[in-house]
Amino acid sequence: MIQAIFEISTTNYLEDKRLINNALSGIAGKCGLQNEFEFSEPTSKFGWTFFKLWIKPNLHQQIEQRLADMIKKSKGSKADEKFTNFLSDLFQASGCSKIKVKLIEV
């Protein structure tokens, strides 16, 4: 499995990056993993900040296995869409208010 790359768009970069980090670290910890995701340097335009999130194959696979029921309930007709919407919902539930998640590469 290849690592998934997502583009995150936010209006509150530092806080949302911290919340995303905590959410993914929590899931990784429950799976016995660490350092399984990375963030790119941010760029800002028109009040929004954009950065990439790399989720490595081990963590991606563990999330899909352990949280399959929640992912199935997410919006979308394709598996990639469901996973992306699941992440968006997860980050919003973790406290990210204005955030968008877009899959850019699998």
Protein backbone atom coordinates (compact mmCIF):
# COMPACT_ATOMS: atom_id res chain seq x y z
CA MET A 1 0.00 0.00 0.00
CA ILE A 2 1.28 3.46 -0.91
CA GLN A 3 1.09 6.30 1.57
CA ALA A 4 -1.89 8.62 1.21
CA ILE A 5 -1.33 12.34 0.77
CA PHE A 6 -4.02 14.82 1.75
CA GLU A 7 -4.19 18.58 1.37
CA ILE A 8 -5.51 20.29 4.47
CA SER A 9 -7.00 23.79 4.20
CA THR A 10 -7.56 25.74 7.41
CA THR A 11 -8.17 29.23 8.72
CA ASN A 12 -6.48 28.43 12.06
CA TYR A 13 -3.23 26.66 11.12
CA LEU A 14 -1.38 26.32 14.44
CA GLU A 15 -4.39 25.15 16.44
CA ASP A 16 -5.74 22.83 13.75
CA LYS A 17 -2.32 21.29 13.10
CA ARG A 18 -2.02 20.58 16.83
CA LEU A 19 -5.51 19.03 16.95
CA ILE A 20 -4.84 16.90 13.83
CA ASN A 21 -1.53 15.79 15.30
CA ASN A 22 -3.22 14.80 18.56
CA ALA A 23 -6.03 12.91 16.78
CA LEU A 24 -3.67 10.93 14.56
CA SER A 25 -1.16 10.34 17.38
CA GLY A 26 -4.00 8.95 19.49
CA ILE A 27 -5.08 6.51 16.79
CA ALA A 28 -1.46 5.54 16.04
CA GLY A 29 -0.81 4.95 19.75
CA LYS A 30 -3.82 2.62 20.01
CA CYS A 31 -2.36 0.71 17.04
CA GLY A 32 1.09 0.50 18.62
CA LEU A 33 2.54 2.86 15.99
CA GLN A 34 4.31 6.20 16.07
CA ASN A 35 5.79 8.62 13.52
CA GLU A 36 3.41 7.27 10.86
CA PHE A 37 2.35 10.65 9.46
CA GLU A 38 4.04 13.91 8.48
CA PHE A 39 3.11 17.50 7.70
CA SER A 40 4.55 19.69 4.92
CA GLU A 41 5.47 23.33 5.33
CA PRO A 42 2.36 25.54 5.14
CA THR A 43 1.51 28.13 2.52
CA SER A 44 -1.07 30.86 3.03
CA LYS A 45 -3.46 32.59 0.61
CA PHE A 46 -6.55 34.72 1.18
CA GLY A 47 -6.79 33.95 4.90
CA TRP A 48 -6.46 30.19 4.41
CA THR A 49 -3.41 28.07 5.13
CA PHE A 50 -2.70 24.95 3.09
CA PHE A 51 -0.43 22.05 3.98
CA LYS A 52 -0.02 18.43 3.05
CA LEU A 53 -0.54 15.51 5.40
CA TRP A 54 1.19 12.23 4.57
CA ILE A 55 -0.30 9.15 6.21
CA LYS A 56 2.09 6.24 5.91
CA PRO A 57 0.84 2.79 4.81
CA ASN A 58 0.98 1.15 8.27
CA LEU A 59 -1.24 3.78 9.88
CA HIS A 60 -3.57 4.00 6.87
CA GLN A 61 -4.07 0.23 6.96
CA GLN A 62 -4.63 0.18 10.73
CA ILE A 63 -7.21 2.97 10.53
CA GLU A 64 -9.05 1.15 7.73
CA GLN A 65 -9.06 -2.11 9.70
CA ARG A 66 -9.88 -0.81 13.18
CA LEU A 67 -12.37 1.89 12.19
CA ALA A 68 -13.97 0.18 9.18
CA ASP A 69 -17.51 0.57 10.54
CA MET A 70 -17.11 4.33 11.00
CA ILE A 71 -15.48 4.73 7.58
CA LYS A 72 -18.32 2.79 5.88
CA LYS A 73 -20.83 5.28 7.34
CA SER A 74 -18.95 8.28 5.90
CA LYS A 75 -20.19 10.08 2.79
CA GLY A 76 -18.94 9.01 -0.60
CA SER A 77 -19.37 6.18 -3.05
CA LYS A 78 -15.69 5.18 -3.40
CA ALA A 79 -13.39 3.90 -0.65
CA ASP A 80 -11.04 6.89 -1.07
CA GLU A 81 -13.92 9.35 -0.72
CA LYS A 82 -15.19 7.59 2.40
CA PHE A 83 -11.73 7.60 3.99
CA THR A 84 -11.22 11.29 3.19
CA ASN A 85 -14.64 12.23 4.62
CA PHE A 86 -13.93 10.08 7.67
CA LEU A 87 -10.71 12.03 8.30
CA SER A 88 -12.52 15.33 7.86
CA ASP A 89 -15.19 14.25 10.37
CA LEU A 90 -12.50 12.98 12.77
CA PHE A 91 -10.61 16.27 12.67
CA GLN A 92 -13.81 18.29 13.14
CA ALA A 93 -14.79 16.09 16.09
CA SER A 94 -11.34 16.78 17.53
CA GLY A 95 -12.06 20.51 17.52
CA CYS A 96 -10.98 21.74 14.08
CA SER A 97 -13.69 24.20 13.08
CA LYS A 98 -12.98 25.51 9.57
CA ILE A 99 -11.04 22.75 7.86
CA LYS A 100 -11.17 21.02 4.49
CA VAL A 101 -9.53 17.70 3.65
CA LYS A 102 -8.81 16.70 0.07
CA LEU A 103 -7.09 13.51 -1.09
CA ILE A 104 -4.42 14.42 -3.61
CA GLU A 105 -2.50 11.17 -3.98
CA VAL A 106 -2.73 7.52 -2.97
